[in-house]
Amino acid sequence: MYKIILMSERISDNVKAVFFDHDDTLVDTIGSKWAQHKFIASKYYGRELTEKDLREHWGKPLEDLFRLFYNTDDIQQAMDYTLAHHEEFPKPLFPETIPTLRRLHAAGKIVGIITATLRFSFEHDLDLHNVPREIIDYTQTADDTEFHKPDPRVFVPAKAWLAGRSIEPGQTLYVGDGLKDMQAALGAGFNFLGVESGLVTASEFRQNGAESVASIAEVYK
């Protein structure tokens, strides 16, 4: 039976796998990519994005963001602009990301990252920050499924992979910074723990029935 994991339990012995969201959970995406969206909108589309615009739509699939932020249906052109300036706006890695993943791996937990980021961008982030691949057992990106959070079907590939290792959804914890992360995780039968490094505050997680921690550093000590 799935549940929202309680902070007092944190990561119990029953939890065999810990999966993480990527953006704003392991890396600080808001700071860098909001700046990139503002830059592209201004330079190529003559639009001035406000924080309100960005906050309202943040977390939606990339193609939807292109349409909303740039007012265009030419997704390929928007992607070309994004790729052209991709490396100018790197996502900083949160300081405790690698130590936390190392501790979990050393404790014998299966460690995975499930993200709506495209594979090329995700791999770039790992390479940029020299994230040790040997401490990550599973990765899944937007290239691996047609579904997006909060749809729990986004986790179908991960659940199949876990089943091949005799790990049940109820033995899996998903850690993410958004309410869509929570909804998708619970819908898939996973446990959930929020991190307050994105746009959702501790009180907002609590109002929605979820426990949360301040940052990735608090997930597993």
N, C-alpha and C. Protein backbone atom coordinates (compact mmCIF):
# COMPACT_ATOMS: atom_id res chain seq x y z
N MET A 1 0.86 -1.19 0.00
CA MET A 1 0.00 0.00 0.00
C MET A 1 0.89 1.23 0.00
N TYR A 2 0.65 2.14 -0.94
CA TYR A 2 1.50 3.32 -1.00
C TYR A 2 1.10 4.33 0.05
N LYS A 3 1.98 5.26 0.30
CA LYS A 3 1.71 6.33 1.25
C LYS A 3 2.66 7.48 0.99
N ILE A 4 2.37 8.61 1.59
CA ILE A 4 3.32 9.71 1.61
C ILE A 4 4.26 9.45 2.78
N ILE A 5 5.53 9.36 2.52
CA ILE A 5 6.45 8.98 3.56
C ILE A 5 6.55 10.05 4.63
N LEU A 6 6.62 9.65 5.87
CA LEU A 6 6.71 10.58 6.97
C LEU A 6 8.17 10.90 7.28
N MET A 7 8.44 12.15 7.64
CA MET A 7 9.80 12.55 7.94
C MET A 7 10.38 11.73 9.08
N SER A 8 9.52 11.34 10.04
CA SER A 8 10.02 10.56 11.18
C SER A 8 10.53 9.20 10.73
N GLU A 9 10.00 8.70 9.60
CA GLU A 9 10.44 7.42 9.07
C GLU A 9 11.58 7.62 8.07
N ARG A 10 11.54 8.77 7.40
CA ARG A 10 12.51 9.14 6.38
C ARG A 10 12.67 8.01 5.38
N ILE A 11 13.76 7.31 5.38
CA ILE A 11 13.92 6.20 4.45
C ILE A 11 14.09 4.92 5.27
N SER A 12 13.03 4.16 5.37
CA SER A 12 13.03 2.96 6.22
C SER A 12 13.71 1.81 5.50
N ASP A 13 13.93 0.74 6.24
CA ASP A 13 14.54 -0.46 5.66
C ASP A 13 13.66 -1.04 4.56
N ASN A 14 12.35 -0.78 4.64
CA ASN A 14 11.43 -1.31 3.64
C ASN A 14 11.63 -0.66 2.27
N VAL A 15 12.19 0.54 2.26
CA VAL A 15 12.42 1.24 1.00
C VAL A 15 13.68 0.67 0.35
N LYS A 16 13.49 0.03 -0.80
CA LYS A 16 14.60 -0.60 -1.50
C LYS A 16 15.16 0.29 -2.62
N ALA A 17 14.32 1.19 -3.14
CA ALA A 17 14.75 2.05 -4.25
C ALA A 17 14.34 3.48 -3.96
N VAL A 18 15.24 4.41 -4.25
CA VAL A 18 14.97 5.84 -4.10
C VAL A 18 15.21 6.50 -5.44
N PHE A 19 14.14 7.02 -6.02
CA PHE A 19 14.20 7.72 -7.30
C PHE A 19 14.04 9.22 -7.06
N PHE A 20 14.74 10.00 -7.84
CA PHE A 20 14.71 11.45 -7.70
C PHE A 20 14.22 12.11 -8.98
N ASP A 21 13.49 13.20 -8.82
CA ASP A 21 13.31 14.16 -9.90
C ASP A 21 14.68 14.80 -10.12
N HIS A 22 14.85 15.47 -11.24
CA HIS A 22 16.15 16.09 -11.54
C HIS A 22 16.11 17.60 -11.36
N ASP A 23 15.30 18.27 -12.19
CA ASP A 23 15.26 19.73 -12.17
C ASP A 23 14.68 20.26 -10.86
N ASP A 24 15.43 21.15 -10.23
CA ASP A 24 15.06 21.81 -8.97
C ASP A 24 14.99 20.84 -7.79
N THR A 25 15.45 19.61 -8.01
CA THR A 25 15.61 18.65 -6.94
C THR A 25 17.09 18.32 -6.76
N LEU A 26 17.75 17.98 -7.85
CA LEU A 26 19.19 17.70 -7.83
C LEU A 26 20.02 18.86 -8.38
N VAL A 27 19.41 19.62 -9.31
CA VAL A 27 20.08 20.79 -9.90
C VAL A 27 19.16 22.00 -9.80
N ASP A 28 19.77 23.19 -9.74
CA ASP A 28 19.02 24.44 -9.61
C ASP A 28 18.63 24.94 -11.00
N THR A 29 17.52 24.44 -11.48
CA THR A 29 17.09 24.74 -12.84
C THR A 29 16.43 26.10 -12.97
N ILE A 30 15.65 26.48 -11.98
CA ILE A 30 14.89 27.73 -12.07
C ILE A 30 15.80 28.92 -12.35
N GLY A 31 16.87 29.04 -11.58
CA GLY A 31 17.73 30.21 -11.74
C GLY A 31 18.31 30.33 -13.12
N SER A 32 18.82 29.23 -13.67
CA SER A 32 19.49 29.29 -14.97
C SER A 32 18.52 29.26 -16.14
N LYS A 33 17.55 28.39 -16.11
CA LYS A 33 16.69 28.22 -17.28
C LYS A 33 15.61 29.29 -17.38
N TRP A 34 15.21 29.90 -16.27
CA TRP A 34 14.33 31.05 -16.39
C TRP A 34 15.08 32.17 -17.11
N ALA A 35 16.35 32.33 -16.79
CA ALA A 35 17.16 33.35 -17.45
C ALA A 35 17.28 33.04 -18.94
N GLN A 36 17.42 31.76 -19.28
CA GLN A 36 17.53 31.38 -20.68
C GLN A 36 16.23 31.64 -21.43
N HIS A 37 15.11 31.28 -20.83
CA HIS A 37 13.82 31.54 -21.48
C HIS A 37 13.60 33.03 -21.69
N LYS A 38 13.97 33.84 -20.71
CA LYS A 38 13.83 35.29 -20.86
C LYS A 38 14.70 35.81 -22.00
N PHE A 39 15.91 35.30 -22.08
CA PHE A 39 16.85 35.72 -23.12
C PHE A 39 16.32 35.37 -24.51
N ILE A 40 15.89 34.12 -24.70
CA ILE A 40 15.40 33.69 -26.02
C ILE A 40 14.13 34.42 -26.40
N ALA A 41 13.23 34.58 -25.44
CA ALA A 41 11.97 35.29 -25.72
C ALA A 41 12.25 36.71 -26.20
N SER A 42 13.19 37.37 -25.55
CA SER A 42 13.52 38.75 -25.91
C SER A 42 14.27 38.83 -27.23
N LYS A 43 15.31 38.01 -27.38
CA LYS A 43 16.20 38.10 -28.54
C LYS A 43 15.52 37.69 -29.84
N TYR A 44 14.73 36.62 -29.80
CA TYR A 44 14.20 36.05 -31.03
C TYR A 44 12.72 36.29 -31.26
N TYR A 45 12.00 36.61 -30.18
CA TYR A 45 10.54 36.72 -30.32
C TYR A 45 10.00 38.08 -29.89
N GLY A 46 10.87 38.97 -29.41
CA GLY A 46 10.43 40.30 -29.01
C GLY A 46 9.45 40.28 -27.86
N ARG A 47 9.58 39.28 -26.98
CA ARG A 47 8.68 39.15 -25.84
C ARG A 47 9.45 39.30 -24.54
N GLU A 48 8.85 39.98 -23.58
CA GLU A 48 9.48 40.14 -22.27
C GLU A 48 8.73 39.26 -21.26
N LEU A 49 9.34 38.16 -20.90
CA LEU A 49 8.72 37.25 -19.95
C LEU A 49 8.86 37.79 -18.53
N THR A 50 7.81 37.68 -17.77
CA THR A 50 7.84 38.08 -16.37
C THR A 50 7.96 36.84 -15.49
N GLU A 51 8.30 37.04 -14.23
CA GLU A 51 8.36 35.93 -13.30
C GLU A 51 6.99 35.28 -13.17
N LYS A 52 5.94 36.07 -13.26
CA LYS A 52 4.58 35.54 -13.20
C LYS A 52 4.33 34.57 -14.35
N ASP A 53 4.77 34.94 -15.56
CA ASP A 53 4.62 34.06 -16.72
C ASP A 53 5.35 32.74 -16.49
N LEU A 54 6.57 32.85 -16.02
CA LEU A 54 7.40 31.67 -15.83
C LEU A 54 6.84 30.77 -14.73
N ARG A 55 6.45 31.37 -13.63
CA ARG A 55 5.93 30.60 -12.50
C ARG A 55 4.63 29.89 -12.86
N GLU A 56 3.78 30.55 -13.62
CA GLU A 56 2.46 30.00 -13.96
C GLU A 56 2.57 28.70 -14.75
N HIS A 57 3.58 28.63 -15.63
CA HIS A 57 3.64 27.49 -16.55
C HIS A 57 4.80 26.54 -16.27
N TRP A 58 5.63 26.85 -15.29
CA TRP A 58 6.81 26.04 -15.03
C TRP A 58 6.42 24.61 -14.68
N GLY A 59 7.14 23.66 -15.23
CA GLY A 59 6.85 22.26 -14.97
C GLY A 59 6.06 21.59 -16.08
N LYS A 60 5.57 22.37 -17.06
CA LYS A 60 4.86 21.79 -18.19
C LYS A 60 5.87 21.22 -19.19
N PRO A 61 5.44 20.32 -20.08
CA PRO A 61 6.35 19.78 -21.09
C PRO A 61 7.00 20.90 -21.91
N LEU A 62 8.22 20.63 -22.38
CA LEU A 62 9.01 21.67 -23.04
C LEU A 62 8.30 22.27 -24.25
N GLU A 63 7.65 21.45 -25.04
CA GLU A 63 6.95 21.98 -26.22
C GLU A 63 5.85 22.96 -25.82
N ASP A 64 5.16 22.66 -24.73
CA ASP A 64 4.12 23.57 -24.24
C ASP A 64 4.74 24.89 -23.78
N LEU A 65 5.90 24.80 -23.13
CA LEU A 65 6.58 26.02 -22.69
C LEU A 65 6.98 26.88 -23.88
N PHE A 66 7.47 26.27 -24.93
CA PHE A 66 7.83 27.03 -26.14
C PHE A 66 6.63 27.80 -26.67
N ARG A 67 5.49 27.12 -26.74
CA ARG A 67 4.28 27.78 -27.27
C ARG A 67 3.83 28.93 -26.35
N LEU A 68 3.87 28.69 -25.06
CA LEU A 68 3.38 29.67 -24.10
C LEU A 68 4.35 30.84 -23.91
N PHE A 69 5.64 30.53 -23.83
CA PHE A 69 6.63 31.58 -23.57
C PHE A 69 6.97 32.38 -24.82
N TYR A 70 7.01 31.72 -25.99
CA TYR A 70 7.47 32.39 -27.20
C TYR A 70 6.34 32.69 -28.18
N ASN A 71 5.13 32.20 -27.88
CA ASN A 71 3.97 32.42 -28.75
C ASN A 71 4.27 31.93 -30.17
N THR A 72 4.74 30.69 -30.25
CA THR A 72 5.09 30.12 -31.55
C THR A 72 4.63 28.67 -31.63
N ASP A 73 4.33 28.22 -32.84
CA ASP A 73 4.04 26.82 -33.08
C ASP A 73 5.20 26.13 -33.80
N ASP A 74 6.23 26.91 -34.11
CA ASP A 74 7.42 26.35 -34.75
C ASP A 74 8.34 25.80 -33.67
N ILE A 75 8.03 24.60 -33.21
CA ILE A 75 8.74 24.00 -32.08
C ILE A 75 10.20 23.72 -32.43
N GLN A 76 10.44 23.30 -33.68
CA GLN A 76 11.81 22.99 -34.08
C GLN A 76 12.69 24.23 -34.04
N GLN A 77 12.17 25.36 -34.49
CA GLN A 77 12.96 26.59 -34.45
C GLN A 77 13.26 26.99 -33.00
N ALA A 78 12.24 26.88 -32.16
CA ALA A 78 12.45 27.20 -30.74
C ALA A 78 13.49 26.28 -30.13
N MET A 79 13.46 25.01 -30.51
CA MET A 79 14.45 24.06 -30.00
C MET A 79 15.85 24.42 -30.51
N ASP A 80 15.94 24.83 -31.76
CA ASP A 80 17.24 25.23 -32.31
C ASP A 80 17.82 26.41 -31.54
N TYR A 81 16.98 27.38 -31.21
CA TYR A 81 17.45 28.53 -30.41
C TYR A 81 17.91 28.05 -29.02
N THR A 82 17.13 27.13 -28.46
CA THR A 82 17.48 26.61 -27.14
C THR A 82 18.82 25.90 -27.16
N LEU A 83 19.04 25.07 -28.17
CA LEU A 83 20.30 24.34 -28.29
C LEU A 83 21.47 25.28 -28.52
N ALA A 84 21.23 26.32 -29.29
CA ALA A 84 22.30 27.27 -29.60
C ALA A 84 22.83 27.96 -28.35
N HIS A 85 21.98 28.13 -27.34
CA HIS A 85 22.37 28.86 -26.13
C HIS A 85 22.38 27.97 -24.89
N HIS A 86 22.27 26.67 -25.11
CA HIS A 86 22.15 25.73 -24.00
C HIS A 86 23.30 25.84 -23.00
N GLU A 87 24.52 25.88 -23.49
CA GLU A 87 25.67 25.85 -22.60
C GLU A 87 25.94 27.20 -21.94
N GLU A 88 25.27 28.25 -22.39
CA GLU A 88 25.45 29.57 -21.78
C GLU A 88 24.68 29.68 -20.46
N PHE A 89 23.76 28.76 -20.23
CA PHE A 89 22.91 28.81 -19.04
C PHE A 89 22.95 27.46 -18.31
N PRO A 90 24.09 27.08 -17.77
CA PRO A 90 24.21 25.78 -17.10
C PRO A 90 23.42 25.73 -15.80
N LYS A 91 22.95 24.55 -15.46
CA LYS A 91 22.22 24.35 -14.22
C LYS A 91 23.21 24.02 -13.10
N PRO A 92 23.29 24.82 -12.06
CA PRO A 92 24.19 24.48 -10.95
C PRO A 92 23.70 23.22 -10.22
N LEU A 93 24.65 22.41 -9.82
CA LEU A 93 24.34 21.23 -9.02
C LEU A 93 24.23 21.64 -7.56
N PHE A 94 23.18 21.20 -6.87
CA PHE A 94 23.10 21.48 -5.45
C PHE A 94 24.26 20.78 -4.74
N PRO A 95 24.91 21.45 -3.79
CA PRO A 95 26.13 20.92 -3.18
C PRO A 95 26.01 19.52 -2.59
N GLU A 96 24.83 19.19 -2.05
CA GLU A 96 24.69 17.90 -1.39
C GLU A 96 24.13 16.80 -2.29
N THR A 97 24.00 17.09 -3.58
CA THR A 97 23.43 16.07 -4.47
C THR A 97 24.30 14.81 -4.53
N ILE A 98 25.55 14.96 -4.89
CA ILE A 98 26.42 13.79 -5.02
C ILE A 98 26.62 13.08 -3.68
N PRO A 99 26.91 13.81 -2.59
CA PRO A 99 27.04 13.12 -1.30
C PRO A 99 25.79 12.33 -0.90
N THR A 100 24.62 12.87 -1.17
CA THR A 100 23.38 12.17 -0.84
C THR A 100 23.23 10.90 -1.66
N LEU A 101 23.48 11.00 -2.96
CA LEU A 101 23.39 9.81 -3.82
C LEU A 101 24.42 8.76 -3.39
N ARG A 102 25.60 9.22 -3.02
CA ARG A 102 26.64 8.29 -2.56
C ARG A 102 26.20 7.55 -1.29
N ARG A 103 25.63 8.28 -0.34
CA ARG A 103 25.21 7.66 0.91
C ARG A 103 24.13 6.61 0.67
N LEU A 104 23.18 6.93 -0.19
CA LEU A 104 22.12 5.98 -0.50
C LEU A 104 22.68 4.74 -1.17
N HIS A 105 23.57 4.95 -2.13
CA HIS A 105 24.17 3.83 -2.84
C HIS A 105 24.97 2.95 -1.88
N ALA A 106 25.73 3.60 -0.99
CA ALA A 106 26.53 2.85 -0.01
C ALA A 106 25.66 2.06 0.96
N ALA A 107 24.43 2.56 1.20
CA ALA A 107 23.50 1.88 2.10
C ALA A 107 22.77 0.72 1.42
N GLY A 108 23.08 0.50 0.15
CA GLY A 108 22.48 -0.62 -0.57
C GLY A 108 21.15 -0.31 -1.23
N LYS A 109 20.78 0.97 -1.31
CA LYS A 109 19.54 1.35 -1.97
C LYS A 109 19.75 1.43 -3.48
N ILE A 110 18.74 1.05 -4.24
CA ILE A 110 18.73 1.32 -5.67
C ILE A 110 18.51 2.82 -5.84
N VAL A 111 19.34 3.47 -6.65
CA VAL A 111 19.25 4.92 -6.84
C VAL A 111 18.92 5.22 -8.30
N GLY A 112 17.90 6.04 -8.51
CA GLY A 112 17.52 6.39 -9.88
C GLY A 112 17.13 7.84 -10.01
N ILE A 113 17.10 8.32 -11.25
CA ILE A 113 16.67 9.68 -11.56
C ILE A 113 15.64 9.60 -12.68
N ILE A 114 14.47 10.16 -12.45
CA ILE A 114 13.39 10.17 -13.43
C ILE A 114 13.01 11.62 -13.68
N THR A 115 13.20 12.07 -14.91
CA THR A 115 13.06 13.48 -15.21
C THR A 115 12.30 13.72 -16.50
N ALA A 116 11.67 14.89 -16.59
CA ALA A 116 11.00 15.31 -17.82
C ALA A 116 11.97 16.02 -18.76
N THR A 117 13.23 16.14 -18.34
CA THR A 117 14.26 16.75 -19.17
C THR A 117 14.61 15.82 -20.33
N LEU A 118 14.96 16.39 -21.47
CA LEU A 118 15.39 15.59 -22.60
C LEU A 118 16.73 14.91 -22.28
N ARG A 119 16.96 13.77 -22.90
CA ARG A 119 18.14 12.97 -22.60
C ARG A 119 19.44 13.76 -22.81
N PHE A 120 19.52 14.51 -23.92
CA PHE A 120 20.77 15.22 -24.21
C PHE A 120 21.08 16.23 -23.11
N SER A 121 20.05 16.91 -22.60
CA SER A 121 20.25 17.92 -21.55
C SER A 121 20.61 17.26 -20.23
N PHE A 122 19.95 16.16 -19.93
CA PHE A 122 20.21 15.44 -18.70
C PHE A 122 21.65 14.91 -18.67
N GLU A 123 22.07 14.28 -19.76
CA GLU A 123 23.43 13.74 -19.83
C GLU A 123 24.46 14.86 -19.75
N HIS A 124 24.13 15.99 -20.35
CA HIS A 124 25.02 17.16 -20.28
C HIS A 124 25.21 17.59 -18.83
N ASP A 125 24.13 17.61 -18.06
CA ASP A 125 24.21 18.00 -16.65
C ASP A 125 25.10 17.04 -15.87
N LEU A 126 24.92 15.75 -16.09
CA LEU A 126 25.73 14.77 -15.37
C LEU A 126 27.21 14.91 -15.72
N ASP A 127 27.48 15.11 -17.01
CA ASP A 127 28.88 15.25 -17.44
C ASP A 127 29.48 16.55 -16.91
N LEU A 128 28.71 17.63 -16.97
CA LEU A 128 29.20 18.93 -16.54
C LEU A 128 29.64 18.90 -15.08
N HIS A 129 28.90 18.19 -14.26
CA HIS A 129 29.17 18.18 -12.82
C HIS A 129 29.89 16.90 -12.36
N ASN A 130 30.35 16.11 -13.32
CA ASN A 130 31.10 14.90 -12.99
C ASN A 130 30.36 14.01 -11.98
N VAL A 131 29.08 13.83 -12.22
CA VAL A 131 28.29 12.96 -11.35
C VAL A 131 28.71 11.51 -11.63
N PRO A 132 29.16 10.78 -10.62
CA PRO A 132 29.62 9.40 -10.85
C PRO A 132 28.49 8.50 -11.33
N ARG A 133 28.66 7.93 -12.50
CA ARG A 133 27.60 7.09 -13.05
C ARG A 133 27.39 5.82 -12.25
N GLU A 134 28.43 5.38 -11.55
CA GLU A 134 28.32 4.11 -10.83
C GLU A 134 27.40 4.19 -9.61
N ILE A 135 27.02 5.41 -9.19
CA ILE A 135 26.11 5.51 -8.05
C ILE A 135 24.66 5.71 -8.50
N ILE A 136 24.45 5.66 -9.81
CA ILE A 136 23.09 5.80 -10.35
C ILE A 136 22.74 4.52 -11.10
N ASP A 137 21.72 3.84 -10.62
CA ASP A 137 21.34 2.54 -11.19
C ASP A 137 20.34 2.65 -12.33
N TYR A 138 19.56 3.73 -12.33
CA TYR A 138 18.49 3.84 -13.33
C TYR A 138 18.28 5.30 -13.70
N THR A 139 18.12 5.57 -14.97
CA THR A 139 17.76 6.92 -15.43
C THR A 139 16.64 6.82 -16.44
N GLN A 140 15.76 7.81 -16.40
CA GLN A 140 14.65 7.89 -17.35
C GLN A 140 14.40 9.35 -17.67
N THR A 141 14.29 9.66 -18.96
CA THR A 141 14.08 11.04 -19.39
C THR A 141 12.82 11.16 -20.23
N ALA A 142 12.58 12.36 -20.72
CA ALA A 142 11.40 12.60 -21.56
C ALA A 142 11.44 11.77 -22.84
N ASP A 143 12.63 11.33 -23.25
CA ASP A 143 12.76 10.51 -24.46
C ASP A 143 12.24 9.09 -24.26
N ASP A 144 12.02 8.70 -23.01
CA ASP A 144 11.70 7.31 -22.71
C ASP A 144 10.21 7.05 -22.48
N THR A 145 9.39 8.08 -22.51
CA THR A 145 7.95 7.91 -22.32
C THR A 145 7.20 9.08 -22.94
N GLU A 146 5.99 8.83 -23.39
CA GLU A 146 5.16 9.89 -23.96
C GLU A 146 4.36 10.62 -22.89
N PHE A 147 4.40 10.12 -21.67
CA PHE A 147 3.58 10.69 -20.60
C PHE A 147 4.37 11.69 -19.77
N HIS A 148 3.65 12.57 -19.12
CA HIS A 148 4.27 13.61 -18.29
C HIS A 148 3.55 13.67 -16.94
N LYS A 149 4.32 13.97 -15.90
CA LYS A 149 3.71 14.18 -14.58
C LYS A 149 2.71 15.33 -14.66
N PRO A 150 1.54 15.22 -14.04
CA PRO A 150 1.18 14.30 -12.93
C PRO A 150 0.59 12.95 -13.35
N ASP A 151 0.66 12.61 -14.64
CA ASP A 151 0.14 11.31 -15.08
C ASP A 151 1.03 10.19 -14.52
N PRO A 152 0.48 9.29 -13.71
CA PRO A 152 1.30 8.24 -13.12
C PRO A 152 1.89 7.28 -14.14
N ARG A 153 1.36 7.29 -15.36
CA ARG A 153 1.90 6.39 -16.39
C ARG A 153 3.32 6.79 -16.79
N VAL A 154 3.76 7.97 -16.37
CA VAL A 154 5.14 8.36 -16.62
C VAL A 154 6.11 7.37 -15.96
N PHE A 155 5.65 6.69 -14.92
CA PHE A 155 6.52 5.77 -14.19
C PHE A 155 6.42 4.32 -14.67
N VAL A 156 5.68 4.05 -15.73
CA VAL A 156 5.53 2.68 -16.22
C VAL A 156 6.89 2.04 -16.56
N PRO A 157 7.79 2.73 -17.31
CA PRO A 157 9.10 2.10 -17.58
C PRO A 157 9.88 1.79 -16.31
N ALA A 158 9.84 2.70 -15.35
CA ALA A 158 10.57 2.50 -14.10
C ALA A 158 9.99 1.32 -13.32
N LYS A 159 8.67 1.20 -13.29
CA LYS A 159 8.04 0.10 -12.56
C LYS A 159 8.37 -1.25 -13.19
N ALA A 160 8.45 -1.27 -14.53
CA ALA A 160 8.83 -2.51 -15.20
C ALA A 160 10.27 -2.88 -14.87
N TRP A 161 11.14 -1.87 -14.82
CA TRP A 161 12.55 -2.10 -14.48
C TRP A 161 12.67 -2.61 -13.05
N LEU A 162 11.92 -2.00 -12.14
CA LEU A 162 11.94 -2.43 -10.74
C LEU A 162 11.40 -3.85 -10.59
N ALA A 163 10.33 -4.16 -11.31
CA ALA A 163 9.74 -5.50 -11.23
C ALA A 163 10.76 -6.56 -11.62
N GLY A 164 11.61 -6.22 -12.58
CA GLY A 164 12.65 -7.16 -12.99
C GLY A 164 13.67 -7.41 -11.92
N ARG A 165 13.66 -6.58 -10.88
CA ARG A 165 14.56 -6.73 -9.74
C ARG A 165 13.80 -7.07 -8.47
N SER A 166 12.55 -7.49 -8.65
CA SER A 166 11.69 -7.92 -7.54
C SER A 166 11.48 -6.82 -6.51
N ILE A 167 11.39 -5.58 -6.98
CA ILE A 167 11.11 -4.43 -6.11
C ILE A 167 9.71 -3.92 -6.44
N GLU A 168 8.86 -3.82 -5.44
CA GLU A 168 7.48 -3.39 -5.63
C GLU A 168 7.38 -1.87 -5.53
N PRO A 169 6.32 -1.28 -6.12
CA PRO A 169 6.13 0.16 -6.00
C PRO A 169 6.13 0.65 -4.56
N GLY A 170 5.52 -0.12 -3.65
CA GLY A 170 5.46 0.27 -2.25
C GLY A 170 6.80 0.26 -1.55
N GLN A 171 7.81 -0.30 -2.20
CA GLN A 171 9.17 -0.31 -1.66
C GLN A 171 10.03 0.78 -2.30
N THR A 172 9.38 1.68 -3.01
CA THR A 172 10.08 2.72 -3.76
C THR A 172 9.67 4.10 -3.27
N LEU A 173 10.64 4.96 -3.10
CA LEU A 173 10.41 6.36 -2.70
C LEU A 173 10.77 7.27 -3.86
N TYR A 174 9.87 8.20 -4.17
CA TYR A 174 10.18 9.22 -5.17
C TYR A 174 10.34 10.56 -4.46
N VAL A 175 11.42 11.26 -4.75
CA VAL A 175 11.73 12.54 -4.14
C VAL A 175 11.64 13.62 -5.22
N GLY A 176 10.79 14.62 -4.99
CA GLY A 176 10.62 15.67 -5.99
C GLY A 176 10.21 16.99 -5.38
N ASP A 177 10.31 18.03 -6.19
CA ASP A 177 10.07 19.39 -5.69
C ASP A 177 8.69 19.92 -6.01
N GLY A 178 7.86 19.14 -6.70
CA GLY A 178 6.57 19.68 -7.13
C GLY A 178 5.38 18.83 -6.73
N LEU A 179 4.21 19.44 -6.76
CA LEU A 179 2.99 18.70 -6.46
C LEU A 179 2.65 17.72 -7.58
N LYS A 180 3.06 18.03 -8.81
CA LYS A 180 2.86 17.07 -9.89
C LYS A 180 3.71 15.83 -9.67
N ASP A 181 4.90 16.02 -9.11
CA ASP A 181 5.74 14.87 -8.74
C ASP A 181 5.00 13.99 -7.75
N MET A 182 4.41 14.62 -6.75
CA MET A 182 3.68 13.90 -5.71
C MET A 182 2.50 13.14 -6.30
N GLN A 183 1.71 13.81 -7.12
CA GLN A 183 0.51 13.19 -7.68
C GLN A 183 0.87 11.98 -8.55
N ALA A 184 1.90 12.13 -9.36
CA ALA A 184 2.31 11.03 -10.23
C ALA A 184 2.87 9.87 -9.41
N ALA A 185 3.69 10.19 -8.42
CA ALA A 185 4.31 9.14 -7.60
C ALA A 185 3.27 8.34 -6.84
N LEU A 186 2.34 9.03 -6.19
CA LEU A 186 1.31 8.32 -5.43
C LEU A 186 0.39 7.53 -6.34
N GLY A 187 0.10 8.10 -7.50
CA GLY A 187 -0.74 7.40 -8.46
C GLY A 187 -0.10 6.13 -8.97
N ALA A 188 1.23 6.10 -8.98
CA ALA A 188 1.96 4.92 -9.42
C ALA A 188 2.18 3.91 -8.29
N GLY A 189 1.78 4.28 -7.07
CA GLY A 189 1.95 3.39 -5.93
C GLY A 189 3.25 3.58 -5.19
N PHE A 190 4.02 4.62 -5.54
CA PHE A 190 5.27 4.92 -4.85
C PHE A 190 4.98 5.69 -3.56
N ASN A 191 5.96 5.72 -2.68
CA ASN A 191 5.97 6.66 -1.57
C ASN A 191 6.51 7.98 -2.11
N PHE A 192 6.31 9.06 -1.36
CA PHE A 192 6.76 10.37 -1.84
C PHE A 192 7.32 11.21 -0.70
N LEU A 193 8.38 11.94 -0.99
CA LEU A 193 8.94 12.94 -0.09
C LEU A 193 9.23 14.20 -0.89
N GLY A 194 8.72 15.33 -0.43
CA GLY A 194 8.95 16.59 -1.12
C GLY A 194 10.24 17.25 -0.69
N VAL A 195 10.83 18.01 -1.60
CA VAL A 195 11.96 18.87 -1.26
C VAL A 195 11.55 20.30 -1.63
N GLU A 196 11.94 21.23 -0.79
CA GLU A 196 11.48 22.62 -0.92
C GLU A 196 12.45 23.49 -1.72
N SER A 197 13.15 22.88 -2.67
CA SER A 197 14.14 23.61 -3.47
C SER A 197 13.57 24.14 -4.78
N GLY A 198 12.27 23.91 -5.01
CA GLY A 198 11.62 24.43 -6.20
C GLY A 198 10.66 25.55 -5.83
N LEU A 199 9.45 25.48 -6.38
CA LEU A 199 8.46 26.54 -6.15
C LEU A 199 7.47 26.21 -5.04
N VAL A 200 7.45 24.95 -4.60
CA VAL A 200 6.47 24.53 -3.59
C VAL A 200 7.08 24.66 -2.20
N THR A 201 6.38 25.35 -1.33
CA THR A 201 6.86 25.57 0.03
C THR A 201 6.48 24.41 0.95
N ALA A 202 7.07 24.41 2.14
CA ALA A 202 6.76 23.38 3.13
C ALA A 202 5.27 23.39 3.47
N SER A 203 4.70 24.59 3.62
CA SER A 203 3.28 24.67 3.98
C SER A 203 2.39 24.15 2.85
N GLU A 204 2.79 24.40 1.61
CA GLU A 204 2.00 23.91 0.47
C GLU A 204 2.07 22.39 0.37
N PHE A 205 3.25 21.82 0.61
CA PHE A 205 3.33 20.36 0.65
C PHE A 205 2.44 19.82 1.77
N ARG A 206 2.51 20.46 2.93
CA ARG A 206 1.74 20.00 4.08
C ARG A 206 0.24 20.11 3.81
N GLN A 207 -0.19 21.18 3.17
CA GLN A 207 -1.60 21.36 2.85
C GLN A 207 -2.11 20.27 1.92
N ASN A 208 -1.19 19.70 1.14
CA ASN A 208 -1.57 18.64 0.21
C ASN A 208 -1.27 17.25 0.76
N GLY A 209 -0.98 17.20 2.07
CA GLY A 209 -0.81 15.93 2.73
C GLY A 209 0.56 15.31 2.63
N ALA A 210 1.55 16.08 2.16
CA ALA A 210 2.89 15.53 1.98
C ALA A 210 3.87 16.11 2.97
N GLU A 211 4.77 15.27 3.44
CA GLU A 211 5.90 15.75 4.23
C GLU A 211 6.99 16.21 3.27
N SER A 212 7.85 17.11 3.75
CA SER A 212 8.92 17.61 2.89
C SER A 212 10.13 17.98 3.72
N VAL A 213 11.26 18.13 3.04
CA VAL A 213 12.50 18.57 3.67
C VAL A 213 13.00 19.78 2.91
N ALA A 214 13.90 20.53 3.55
CA ALA A 214 14.34 21.80 2.97
C ALA A 214 15.09 21.62 1.66
N SER A 215 15.88 20.56 1.55
CA SER A 215 16.70 20.37 0.36
C SER A 215 17.14 18.92 0.25
N ILE A 216 17.84 18.63 -0.82
CA ILE A 216 18.36 17.29 -1.04
C ILE A 216 19.25 16.85 0.12
N ALA A 217 19.89 17.80 0.78
CA ALA A 217 20.80 17.48 1.87
C ALA A 217 20.10 16.78 3.03
N GLU A 218 18.78 16.99 3.15
CA GLU A 218 18.02 16.44 4.28
C GLU A 218 17.39 15.08 3.98
N VAL A 219 17.53 14.61 2.77
CA VAL A 219 16.85 13.36 2.40
C VAL A 219 17.43 12.15 3.11
N TYR A 220 18.75 12.05 3.15
CA TYR A 220 19.37 10.87 3.76
C TYR A 220 20.71 11.26 4.33
N LYS A 221 20.80 11.26 5.66
CA LYS A 221 22.04 11.68 6.32
C LYS A 221 22.76 10.47 6.92
